[in-house]
C-alpha cells in the first residue's frame, strides 16, 4: 500500500477515528470546563480548557481555583477562592475588580481546577462541560472529521502534483 492509498479517506478509517475520538472525549474530557469569559485573565484565558477534580469541601482553601454553580447563572463559573467564611466561600475572578456578591455553599461546588490547556476550549465554548452537553461532543467530532477529510484530500492532491513532476 502506498501513501496515497493510505491517506485516502474511507468509511472504515473514519469510523475507527470516530470511536477513538469519542473514547478520548468521554475519558479525557469528562471533568473539563471550557472557559468562556475573560474573568480569570491572566491566569486562565477565554478559550482555555480547564480540568478539575472533585474534592471534599473541607480541603478547599483560599487561592484555589474552583468551578461552581453560581446563583441565577445558566452555566457553572470558574473563579478563585477569595475568602472562606462560616457561611460559605466567596470567589473572585482574577480579572474582576471586586469579589462576587454571592456565597458558595458545599453543594454548589463542582470541583477544584487541577490544570488547564490553552485554546482547546474554543471547540466547546458553547457550554461548560462536554459530559453535560453531548451535543458538543457531536459538534467536536464533526469538526474533527471535516478537518481530517480536508487534510487527507490536500495531502493526496499534493502527492499527485509532486508525483507528476
C-alpha atoms as a PDB file:
ATOM      1  CA  UNK A   1       0.000   0.000   0.000  1.00  0.00           C
ATOM      2  CA  UNK A   2       1.376   3.410  -0.936  1.00  0.00           C
ATOM      3  CA  UNK A   3       0.917   6.731   0.876  1.00  0.00           C
ATOM      4  CA  UNK A   4      -1.800   7.854  -1.491  1.00  0.00           C
ATOM      5  CA  UNK A   5      -3.929   4.816  -0.721  1.00  0.00           C
ATOM      6  CA  UNK A   6      -3.186   5.050   2.995  1.00  0.00           C
ATOM      7  CA  UNK A   7      -4.260   8.692   3.227  1.00  0.00           C
ATOM      8  CA  UNK A   8      -7.311   8.380   1.015  1.00  0.00           C
ATOM      9  CA  UNK A   9     -10.395   8.738   3.234  1.00  0.00           C
ATOM     10  CA  UNK A  10     -12.631   5.718   3.549  1.00  0.00           C
ATOM     11  CA  UNK A  11     -15.547   4.926   5.835  1.00  0.00           C
ATOM     12  CA  UNK A  12     -13.734   2.227   7.830  1.00  0.00           C
ATOM     13  CA  UNK A  13     -10.927   4.618   8.801  1.00  0.00           C
ATOM     14  CA  UNK A  14     -13.414   7.364   9.591  1.00  0.00           C
ATOM     15  CA  UNK A  15     -15.484   5.029  11.789  1.00  0.00           C
ATOM     16  CA  UNK A  16     -12.366   3.923  13.680  1.00  0.00           C
ATOM     17  CA  UNK A  17     -11.382   7.575  14.167  1.00  0.00           C
ATOM     18  CA  UNK A  18     -14.878   8.406  15.446  1.00  0.00           C
ATOM     19  CA  UNK A  19     -14.713   5.597  18.012  1.00  0.00           C
ATOM     20  CA  UNK A  20     -11.223   6.603  19.176  1.00  0.00           C
ATOM     21  CA  UNK A  21     -12.219  10.259  19.307  1.00  0.00           C
ATOM     22  CA  UNK A  22     -15.372   9.566  21.344  1.00  0.00           C
ATOM     23  CA  UNK A  23     -13.413   7.390  23.788  1.00  0.00           C
ATOM     24  CA  UNK A  24     -10.942  10.228  24.263  1.00  0.00           C
ATOM     25  CA  UNK A  25     -13.803  12.704  24.743  1.00  0.00           C
ATOM     26  CA  UNK A  26     -15.510  10.529  27.327  1.00  0.00           C
ATOM     27  CA  UNK A  27     -12.453   9.594  29.383  1.00  0.00           C
ATOM     28  CA  UNK A  28     -10.138  12.571  28.981  1.00  0.00           C
ATOM     29  CA  UNK A  29     -12.568  15.482  28.809  1.00  0.00           C
ATOM     30  CA  UNK A  30     -15.141  14.162  31.275  1.00  0.00           C
ATOM     31  CA  UNK A  31     -14.082  16.556  34.039  1.00  0.00           C
ATOM     32  CA  UNK A  32     -13.395  19.601  31.935  1.00  0.00           C
ATOM     33  CA  UNK A  33     -14.629  23.151  31.657  1.00  0.00           C
ATOM     34  CA  UNK A  34     -14.305  25.469  28.678  1.00  0.00           C
ATOM     35  CA  UNK A  35     -13.510  28.983  29.893  1.00  0.00           C
ATOM     36  CA  UNK A  36     -15.985  31.246  28.127  1.00  0.00           C
ATOM     37  CA  UNK A  37     -15.126  34.604  29.700  1.00  0.00           C
ATOM     38  CA  UNK A  38     -12.101  36.745  30.493  1.00  0.00           C
ATOM     39  CA  UNK A  39     -12.776  36.888  34.238  1.00  0.00           C
ATOM     40  CA  UNK A  40      -9.660  34.828  35.099  1.00  0.00           C
ATOM     41  CA  UNK A  41      -7.151  36.590  32.819  1.00  0.00           C
ATOM     42  CA  UNK A  42      -4.135  36.480  33.051  1.00  0.00           C
ATOM     43  CA  UNK A  43      -4.221  33.063  34.769  1.00  0.00           C
ATOM     44  CA  UNK A  44      -6.789  31.316  32.571  1.00  0.00           C
ATOM     45  CA  UNK A  45      -7.845  32.894  29.289  1.00  0.00           C
ATOM     46  CA  UNK A  46     -11.050  32.677  27.321  1.00  0.00           C
ATOM     47  CA  UNK A  47     -10.932  29.509  25.239  1.00  0.00           C
ATOM     48  CA  UNK A  48      -8.700  27.569  27.630  1.00  0.00           C
ATOM     49  CA  UNK A  49      -9.880  24.132  28.709  1.00  0.00           C
ATOM     50  CA  UNK A  50      -9.637  23.618  32.468  1.00  0.00           C
ATOM     51  CA  UNK A  51      -9.602  20.157  34.028  1.00  0.00           C
ATOM     52  CA  UNK A  52     -10.938  19.629  37.519  1.00  0.00           C
ATOM     53  CA  UNK A  53     -11.309  17.002  40.182  1.00  0.00           C
ATOM     54  CA  UNK A  54     -13.966  16.600  42.803  1.00  0.00           C
ATOM     55  CA  UNK A  55     -12.527  17.308  46.247  1.00  0.00           C
ATOM     56  CA  UNK A  56     -14.134  17.459  49.687  1.00  0.00           C
ATOM     57  CA  UNK A  57     -15.357  20.931  50.623  1.00  0.00           C
ATOM     58  CA  UNK A  58     -13.144  20.924  53.719  1.00  0.00           C
ATOM     59  CA  UNK A  59      -9.984  20.586  51.592  1.00  0.00           C
ATOM     60  CA  UNK A  60     -10.611  23.797  49.658  1.00  0.00           C
ATOM     61  CA  UNK A  61      -8.536  26.803  50.659  1.00  0.00           C
ATOM     62  CA  UNK A  62      -8.054  30.458  49.740  1.00  0.00           C
ATOM     63  CA  UNK A  63      -6.467  30.909  46.271  1.00  0.00           C
ATOM     64  CA  UNK A  64      -7.715  27.540  44.977  1.00  0.00           C
ATOM     65  CA  UNK A  65      -9.409  27.854  41.594  1.00  0.00           C
ATOM     66  CA  UNK A  66     -12.807  26.195  41.615  1.00  0.00           C
ATOM     67  CA  UNK A  67     -15.737  25.546  39.326  1.00  0.00           C
ATOM     68  CA  UNK A  68     -19.107  26.141  40.931  1.00  0.00           C
ATOM     69  CA  UNK A  69     -22.780  26.630  40.192  1.00  0.00           C
ATOM     70  CA  UNK A  70     -23.408  30.306  40.835  1.00  0.00           C
ATOM     71  CA  UNK A  71     -26.840  31.556  41.836  1.00  0.00           C
ATOM     72  CA  UNK A  72     -29.030  32.564  38.897  1.00  0.00           C
ATOM     73  CA  UNK A  73     -26.460  31.517  36.291  1.00  0.00           C
ATOM     74  CA  UNK A  74     -27.103  29.147  33.421  1.00  0.00           C
ATOM     75  CA  UNK A  75     -23.580  27.683  33.360  1.00  0.00           C
ATOM     76  CA  UNK A  76     -21.071  26.980  36.126  1.00  0.00           C
ATOM     77  CA  UNK A  77     -18.344  29.556  36.720  1.00  0.00           C
ATOM     78  CA  UNK A  78     -14.604  29.239  37.241  1.00  0.00           C
ATOM     79  CA  UNK A  79     -13.122  31.640  39.825  1.00  0.00           C
ATOM     80  CA  UNK A  80     -10.505  31.769  42.544  1.00  0.00           C
ATOM     81  CA  UNK A  81     -11.465  31.378  46.214  1.00  0.00           C
ATOM     82  CA  UNK A  82     -11.145  34.842  47.716  1.00  0.00           C
ATOM     83  CA  UNK A  83     -12.314  34.109  51.251  1.00  0.00           C
ATOM     84  CA  UNK A  84     -13.832  31.281  53.277  1.00  0.00           C
ATOM     85  CA  UNK A  85     -16.381  32.228  55.924  1.00  0.00           C
ATOM     86  CA  UNK A  86     -18.688  30.287  58.225  1.00  0.00           C
ATOM     87  CA  UNK A  87     -21.479  30.836  55.685  1.00  0.00           C
ATOM     88  CA  UNK A  88     -19.506  29.569  52.677  1.00  0.00           C
ATOM     89  CA  UNK A  89     -16.976  30.550  50.030  1.00  0.00           C
ATOM     90  CA  UNK A  90     -16.554  33.962  48.418  1.00  0.00           C
ATOM     91  CA  UNK A  91     -14.971  33.904  44.978  1.00  0.00           C
ATOM     92  CA  UNK A  92     -13.403  36.451  42.652  1.00  0.00           C
ATOM     93  CA  UNK A  93     -12.213  36.326  39.095  1.00  0.00           C
ATOM     94  CA  UNK A  94      -8.559  37.361  38.747  1.00  0.00           C
ATOM     95  CA  UNK A  95      -9.585  39.993  36.188  1.00  0.00           C
ATOM     96  CA  UNK A  96     -12.538  41.300  38.226  1.00  0.00           C
ATOM     97  CA  UNK A  97     -12.057  44.371  40.432  1.00  0.00           C
ATOM     98  CA  UNK A  98     -14.231  43.122  43.326  1.00  0.00           C
ATOM     99  CA  UNK A  99     -15.253  39.731  44.755  1.00  0.00           C
ATOM    100  CA  UNK A 100     -18.555  38.165  43.726  1.00  0.00           C
ATOM    101  CA  UNK A 101     -21.607  39.166  45.763  1.00  0.00           C
ATOM    102  CA  UNK A 102     -22.829  35.610  46.332  1.00  0.00           C
ATOM    103  CA  UNK A 103     -21.658  32.999  48.827  1.00  0.00           C
ATOM    104  CA  UNK A 104     -20.994  29.478  47.531  1.00  0.00           C
ATOM    105  CA  UNK A 105     -22.006  26.504  49.652  1.00  0.00           C
ATOM    106  CA  UNK A 106     -20.585  22.986  49.551  1.00  0.00           C
ATOM    107  CA  UNK A 107     -23.357  21.585  47.339  1.00  0.00           C
ATOM    108  CA  UNK A 108     -22.661  24.230  44.665  1.00  0.00           C
ATOM    109  CA  UNK A 109     -19.006  23.233  44.202  1.00  0.00           C
ATOM    110  CA  UNK A 110     -18.370  21.279  41.000  1.00  0.00           C
ATOM    111  CA  UNK A 111     -14.644  20.754  41.505  1.00  0.00           C
ATOM    112  CA  UNK A 112     -11.164  22.161  42.003  1.00  0.00           C
ATOM    113  CA  UNK A 113      -9.158  23.057  38.888  1.00  0.00           C
ATOM    114  CA  UNK A 114      -6.008  20.953  38.605  1.00  0.00           C
ATOM    115  CA  UNK A 115      -4.613  22.204  35.268  1.00  0.00           C
ATOM    116  CA  UNK A 116      -5.658  23.858  32.024  1.00  0.00           C
ATOM    117  CA  UNK A 117      -4.699  23.709  28.362  1.00  0.00           C
ATOM    118  CA  UNK A 118      -4.695  26.884  26.253  1.00  0.00           C
ATOM    119  CA  UNK A 119      -7.128  27.339  23.350  1.00  0.00           C
ATOM    120  CA  UNK A 120      -8.640  23.823  23.260  1.00  0.00           C
ATOM    121  CA  UNK A 121     -11.783  25.059  24.988  1.00  0.00           C
ATOM    122  CA  UNK A 122     -12.834  27.054  21.930  1.00  0.00           C
ATOM    123  CA  UNK A 123     -14.188  23.833  20.424  1.00  0.00           C
ATOM    124  CA  UNK A 124     -16.569  23.528  23.387  1.00  0.00           C
ATOM    125  CA  UNK A 125     -17.103  27.194  24.236  1.00  0.00           C
ATOM    126  CA  UNK A 126     -20.880  26.958  23.961  1.00  0.00           C
ATOM    127  CA  UNK A 127     -21.181  25.048  27.226  1.00  0.00           C
ATOM    128  CA  UNK A 128     -19.373  24.374  30.458  1.00  0.00           C
ATOM    129  CA  UNK A 129     -18.722  20.645  30.225  1.00  0.00           C
ATOM    130  CA  UNK A 130     -18.612  18.121  27.428  1.00  0.00           C
ATOM    131  CA  UNK A 131     -20.034  15.424  29.664  1.00  0.00           C
ATOM    132  CA  UNK A 132     -23.074  17.571  30.497  1.00  0.00           C
ATOM    133  CA  UNK A 133     -23.783  18.584  26.908  1.00  0.00           C
ATOM    134  CA  UNK A 134     -23.404  15.654  24.467  1.00  0.00           C
ATOM    135  CA  UNK A 135     -24.203  17.893  21.503  1.00  0.00           C
ATOM    136  CA  UNK A 136     -20.745  19.439  21.899  1.00  0.00           C
ATOM    137  CA  UNK A 137     -19.152  16.007  21.512  1.00  0.00           C
ATOM    138  CA  UNK A 138     -21.011  15.538  18.259  1.00  0.00           C
ATOM    139  CA  UNK A 139     -20.016  19.005  17.028  1.00  0.00           C
ATOM    140  CA  UNK A 140     -16.383  18.431  18.004  1.00  0.00           C
ATOM    141  CA  UNK A 141     -16.409  15.049  16.253  1.00  0.00           C
ATOM    142  CA  UNK A 142     -17.845  16.565  13.080  1.00  0.00           C
ATOM    143  CA  UNK A 143     -15.240  19.344  13.129  1.00  0.00           C
ATOM    144  CA  UNK A 144     -12.509  16.741  13.578  1.00  0.00           C
ATOM    145  CA  UNK A 145     -13.848  14.591  10.729  1.00  0.00           C
ATOM    146  CA  UNK A 146     -14.149  17.547   8.369  1.00  0.00           C
ATOM    147  CA  UNK A 147     -10.589  18.586   9.244  1.00  0.00           C
ATOM    148  CA  UNK A 148      -9.342  15.005   8.756  1.00  0.00           C
ATOM    149  CA  UNK A 149     -11.107  14.701   5.393  1.00  0.00           C
ATOM    150  CA  UNK A 150      -9.855  18.064   4.105  1.00  0.00           C
ATOM    151  CA  UNK A 151      -6.321  17.394   5.303  1.00  0.00           C
ATOM    152  CA  UNK A 152      -6.333  13.944   3.671  1.00  0.00           C
ATOM    153  CA  UNK A 153      -7.611  15.393   0.396  1.00  0.00           C
ATOM    154  CA  UNK A 154      -4.923  18.087   0.489  1.00  0.00           C
ATOM    155  CA  UNK A 155      -2.155  15.558   1.118  1.00  0.00           C
ATOM    156  CA  UNK A 156      -3.378  13.295  -1.708  1.00  0.00           C
ATOM    157  CA  UNK A 157      -3.627  16.324  -4.039  1.00  0.00           C
ATOM    158  CA  UNK A 158      -0.066  17.421  -3.143  1.00  0.00           C
ATOM    159  CA  UNK A 159       1.169  13.849  -3.595  1.00  0.00           C
ATOM    160  CA  UNK A 160      -0.390  13.712  -7.076  1.00  0.00           C
ATOM    161  CA  UNK A 161       1.165  17.063  -8.042  1.00  0.00           C
ATOM    162  CA  UNK A 162       4.625  16.055  -6.835  1.00  0.00           C
ATOM    163  CA  UNK A 163       4.430  12.643  -8.499  1.00  0.00           C
ATOM    164  CA  UNK A 164       3.509  14.179 -11.879  1.00  0.00           C
ATOM    165  CA  UNK A 165       6.652  16.359 -11.874  1.00  0.00           C
END
